[in-house]
């Protein structure tokens, strides 16, 4: 909830559309990083508990989150951040 509140506050403070796009993209990445961290923790716990079946499913989710983060990074680096600068 804190990350979402931060994004909402930021969105309210930015008037320039291109800067707003970059800020919202950064907020989306913050959410992805939070999810990546959580999935990593859950995978470690599942393995510790001998639940490799659960760890495998969680790993799939983690891989998806990492892929999304990579796409967001590519978008930010190729277009959004340059337009905002």
N, C-alpha and C. Protein backbone atom coordinates (compact mmCIF):
# COMPACT_ATOMS: atom_id res chain seq x y z
N UNK A 1 0.83 -1.19 0.00
CA UNK A 1 0.00 0.00 0.00
C UNK A 1 0.87 1.26 0.00
N UNK A 2 2.00 1.20 0.69
CA UNK A 2 2.88 2.36 0.76
C UNK A 2 3.42 2.77 -0.60
N UNK A 3 3.77 1.77 -1.41
CA UNK A 3 4.29 2.07 -2.75
C UNK A 3 3.21 2.72 -3.61
N UNK A 4 1.99 2.25 -3.49
CA UNK A 4 0.88 2.81 -4.25
C UNK A 4 0.59 4.24 -3.79
N UNK A 5 0.60 4.45 -2.48
CA UNK A 5 0.38 5.80 -1.96
C UNK A 5 1.47 6.76 -2.45
N UNK A 6 2.70 6.29 -2.44
CA UNK A 6 3.81 7.10 -2.93
C UNK A 6 3.60 7.47 -4.40
N UNK A 7 3.19 6.52 -5.21
CA UNK A 7 2.94 6.78 -6.63
C UNK A 7 1.82 7.79 -6.81
N UNK A 8 0.76 7.66 -6.02
CA UNK A 8 -0.35 8.60 -6.12
C UNK A 8 0.08 10.02 -5.73
N UNK A 9 0.88 10.13 -4.68
CA UNK A 9 1.37 11.44 -4.26
C UNK A 9 2.25 12.05 -5.35
N UNK A 10 3.11 11.23 -5.89
CA UNK A 10 4.01 11.70 -6.94
C UNK A 10 3.22 12.16 -8.16
N UNK A 11 2.24 11.39 -8.55
CA UNK A 11 1.42 11.73 -9.71
C UNK A 11 0.73 13.08 -9.51
N UNK A 12 0.34 13.35 -8.29
CA UNK A 12 -0.32 14.62 -8.00
C UNK A 12 0.62 15.81 -8.02
N UNK A 13 1.92 15.55 -7.89
CA UNK A 13 2.91 16.63 -7.84
C UNK A 13 3.54 16.96 -9.18
N UNK A 14 3.28 16.16 -10.20
CA UNK A 14 3.95 16.32 -11.49
C UNK A 14 2.95 16.79 -12.54
N UNK A 15 3.29 17.91 -13.17
CA UNK A 15 2.40 18.46 -14.20
C UNK A 15 2.80 18.06 -15.61
N UNK A 16 4.09 17.90 -15.84
CA UNK A 16 4.61 17.56 -17.17
C UNK A 16 4.29 16.10 -17.48
N UNK A 17 3.58 15.86 -18.58
CA UNK A 17 3.14 14.50 -18.93
C UNK A 17 4.32 13.55 -19.10
N UNK A 18 5.38 13.99 -19.74
CA UNK A 18 6.51 13.10 -19.98
C UNK A 18 7.23 12.76 -18.68
N UNK A 19 7.33 13.72 -17.78
CA UNK A 19 7.94 13.46 -16.47
C UNK A 19 7.01 12.55 -15.67
N UNK A 20 5.73 12.77 -15.79
CA UNK A 20 4.76 11.91 -15.10
C UNK A 20 4.88 10.47 -15.58
N UNK A 21 5.02 10.27 -16.89
CA UNK A 21 5.19 8.92 -17.43
C UNK A 21 6.41 8.23 -16.81
N UNK A 22 7.52 8.97 -16.73
CA UNK A 22 8.74 8.41 -16.15
C UNK A 22 8.55 8.10 -14.67
N UNK A 23 7.87 8.97 -13.97
CA UNK A 23 7.63 8.76 -12.54
C UNK A 23 6.74 7.55 -12.30
N UNK A 24 5.70 7.42 -13.10
CA UNK A 24 4.80 6.27 -12.95
C UNK A 24 5.50 4.97 -13.32
N UNK A 25 6.35 5.03 -14.32
CA UNK A 25 7.12 3.85 -14.69
C UNK A 25 8.05 3.45 -13.55
N UNK A 26 8.69 4.42 -12.93
CA UNK A 26 9.55 4.14 -11.79
C UNK A 26 8.75 3.53 -10.64
N UNK A 27 7.55 4.00 -10.44
CA UNK A 27 6.69 3.45 -9.40
C UNK A 27 6.29 2.01 -9.72
N UNK A 28 6.01 1.75 -10.99
CA UNK A 28 5.68 0.38 -11.40
C UNK A 28 6.86 -0.55 -11.14
N UNK A 29 8.07 -0.06 -11.40
CA UNK A 29 9.25 -0.87 -11.14
C UNK A 29 9.44 -1.10 -9.66
N UNK A 30 9.10 -0.13 -8.84
CA UNK A 30 9.20 -0.32 -7.39
C UNK A 30 8.29 -1.46 -6.94
N UNK A 31 7.10 -1.52 -7.52
CA UNK A 31 6.18 -2.62 -7.21
C UNK A 31 6.79 -3.95 -7.64
N UNK A 32 7.34 -3.98 -8.84
CA UNK A 32 7.96 -5.22 -9.33
C UNK A 32 9.10 -5.66 -8.42
N UNK A 33 9.93 -4.72 -7.99
CA UNK A 33 11.06 -5.07 -7.12
C UNK A 33 10.57 -5.61 -5.78
N UNK A 34 9.51 -5.04 -5.27
CA UNK A 34 8.91 -5.53 -4.03
C UNK A 34 8.43 -6.98 -4.23
N UNK A 35 7.74 -7.21 -5.34
CA UNK A 35 7.24 -8.56 -5.61
C UNK A 35 8.38 -9.55 -5.81
N UNK A 36 9.44 -9.13 -6.49
CA UNK A 36 10.60 -9.99 -6.69
C UNK A 36 11.19 -10.39 -5.35
N UNK A 37 11.32 -9.43 -4.46
CA UNK A 37 11.85 -9.72 -3.13
C UNK A 37 10.97 -10.70 -2.38
N UNK A 38 9.68 -10.49 -2.43
CA UNK A 38 8.76 -11.37 -1.71
C UNK A 38 8.78 -12.79 -2.26
N UNK A 39 8.76 -12.91 -3.59
CA UNK A 39 8.80 -14.26 -4.17
C UNK A 39 10.09 -14.97 -3.81
N UNK A 40 11.20 -14.24 -3.82
CA UNK A 40 12.47 -14.85 -3.43
C UNK A 40 12.42 -15.40 -2.01
N UNK A 41 11.84 -14.63 -1.11
CA UNK A 41 11.69 -15.07 0.27
C UNK A 41 10.79 -16.29 0.37
N UNK A 42 9.67 -16.25 -0.31
CA UNK A 42 8.73 -17.38 -0.27
C UNK A 42 9.35 -18.66 -0.84
N UNK A 43 10.14 -18.51 -1.88
CA UNK A 43 10.83 -19.67 -2.46
C UNK A 43 11.78 -20.27 -1.44
N UNK A 44 12.54 -19.42 -0.78
CA UNK A 44 13.48 -19.92 0.24
C UNK A 44 12.74 -20.63 1.36
N UNK A 45 11.63 -20.08 1.80
CA UNK A 45 10.85 -20.72 2.86
C UNK A 45 10.29 -22.06 2.40
N UNK A 46 9.74 -22.07 1.19
CA UNK A 46 9.16 -23.31 0.67
C UNK A 46 10.23 -24.41 0.58
N UNK A 47 11.40 -24.06 0.11
CA UNK A 47 12.49 -25.05 0.03
C UNK A 47 12.89 -25.53 1.42
N UNK A 48 12.97 -24.61 2.36
CA UNK A 48 13.35 -24.97 3.73
C UNK A 48 12.33 -25.94 4.34
N UNK A 49 11.09 -25.78 3.95
CA UNK A 49 10.02 -26.65 4.46
C UNK A 49 9.88 -27.93 3.64
N UNK A 50 10.75 -28.10 2.66
CA UNK A 50 10.69 -29.30 1.83
C UNK A 50 9.56 -29.28 0.82
N UNK A 51 9.07 -28.11 0.51
CA UNK A 51 7.95 -27.98 -0.43
C UNK A 51 8.47 -27.51 -1.79
N UNK A 52 9.22 -28.38 -2.44
CA UNK A 52 9.77 -28.04 -3.75
C UNK A 52 8.66 -27.82 -4.78
N UNK A 53 7.51 -28.47 -4.58
CA UNK A 53 6.38 -28.26 -5.48
C UNK A 53 5.92 -26.80 -5.43
N UNK A 54 5.81 -26.27 -4.23
CA UNK A 54 5.42 -24.87 -4.08
C UNK A 54 6.53 -23.94 -4.58
N UNK A 55 7.76 -24.29 -4.26
CA UNK A 55 8.89 -23.47 -4.70
C UNK A 55 8.92 -23.36 -6.22
N UNK A 56 8.57 -24.43 -6.89
CA UNK A 56 8.57 -24.42 -8.36
C UNK A 56 7.54 -23.45 -8.92
N UNK A 57 6.35 -23.47 -8.35
CA UNK A 57 5.29 -22.55 -8.79
C UNK A 57 5.68 -21.11 -8.49
N UNK A 58 6.22 -20.90 -7.30
CA UNK A 58 6.66 -19.56 -6.92
C UNK A 58 7.79 -19.08 -7.82
N UNK A 59 8.65 -19.98 -8.23
CA UNK A 59 9.74 -19.62 -9.12
C UNK A 59 9.21 -19.15 -10.47
N UNK A 60 8.15 -19.79 -10.95
CA UNK A 60 7.53 -19.35 -12.20
C UNK A 60 7.02 -17.92 -12.06
N UNK A 61 6.39 -17.63 -10.92
CA UNK A 61 5.91 -16.28 -10.67
C UNK A 61 7.07 -15.29 -10.60
N UNK A 62 8.13 -15.70 -9.92
CA UNK A 62 9.31 -14.84 -9.82
C UNK A 62 9.89 -14.55 -11.20
N UNK A 63 9.98 -15.56 -12.02
CA UNK A 63 10.50 -15.37 -13.38
C UNK A 63 9.64 -14.38 -14.17
N UNK A 64 8.33 -14.45 -14.00
CA UNK A 64 7.42 -13.52 -14.68
C UNK A 64 7.65 -12.09 -14.19
N UNK A 65 7.82 -11.93 -12.88
CA UNK A 65 8.05 -10.60 -12.31
C UNK A 65 9.37 -10.02 -12.82
N UNK A 66 10.39 -10.86 -12.89
CA UNK A 66 11.69 -10.40 -13.39
C UNK A 66 11.59 -10.00 -14.86
N UNK A 67 10.84 -10.76 -15.64
CA UNK A 67 10.66 -10.44 -17.05
C UNK A 67 9.93 -9.11 -17.21
N UNK A 68 8.92 -8.89 -16.39
CA UNK A 68 8.19 -7.62 -16.44
C UNK A 68 9.12 -6.47 -16.08
N UNK A 69 9.93 -6.65 -15.05
CA UNK A 69 10.87 -5.62 -14.65
C UNK A 69 11.86 -5.31 -15.78
N UNK A 70 12.32 -6.34 -16.46
CA UNK A 70 13.23 -6.14 -17.59
C UNK A 70 12.56 -5.34 -18.71
N UNK A 71 11.30 -5.64 -18.98
CA UNK A 71 10.58 -4.89 -20.02
C UNK A 71 10.40 -3.43 -19.61
N UNK A 72 10.07 -3.21 -18.34
CA UNK A 72 9.92 -1.84 -17.85
C UNK A 72 11.25 -1.09 -17.93
N UNK A 73 12.33 -1.76 -17.58
CA UNK A 73 13.65 -1.13 -17.66
C UNK A 73 14.01 -0.77 -19.09
N UNK A 74 13.71 -1.66 -20.01
CA UNK A 74 13.99 -1.39 -21.42
C UNK A 74 13.16 -0.21 -21.91
N UNK A 75 11.91 -0.17 -21.53
CA UNK A 75 11.04 0.94 -21.92
C UNK A 75 11.56 2.25 -21.35
N UNK A 76 11.92 2.22 -20.10
CA UNK A 76 12.44 3.45 -19.45
C UNK A 76 13.72 3.91 -20.14
N UNK A 77 14.60 2.98 -20.42
CA UNK A 77 15.89 3.34 -21.01
C UNK A 77 15.82 3.77 -22.45
N UNK A 78 14.86 3.25 -23.18
CA UNK A 78 14.81 3.55 -24.61
C UNK A 78 13.95 4.75 -24.95
N UNK A 79 12.98 5.07 -24.11
CA UNK A 79 12.06 6.14 -24.49
C UNK A 79 11.68 7.07 -23.34
N UNK A 80 11.08 6.52 -22.36
CA UNK A 80 10.39 7.33 -21.34
C UNK A 80 11.34 8.28 -20.60
N UNK A 81 12.45 7.77 -20.10
CA UNK A 81 13.36 8.62 -19.34
C UNK A 81 13.98 9.70 -20.22
N UNK A 82 14.27 9.36 -21.48
CA UNK A 82 14.86 10.35 -22.39
C UNK A 82 13.87 11.47 -22.68
N UNK A 83 12.61 11.13 -22.85
CA UNK A 83 11.59 12.14 -23.13
C UNK A 83 11.36 13.04 -21.92
N UNK A 84 11.52 12.47 -20.74
CA UNK A 84 11.28 13.24 -19.51
C UNK A 84 12.43 14.19 -19.20
N UNK A 85 13.62 13.85 -19.73
CA UNK A 85 14.79 14.68 -19.41
C UNK A 85 14.73 15.95 -20.11
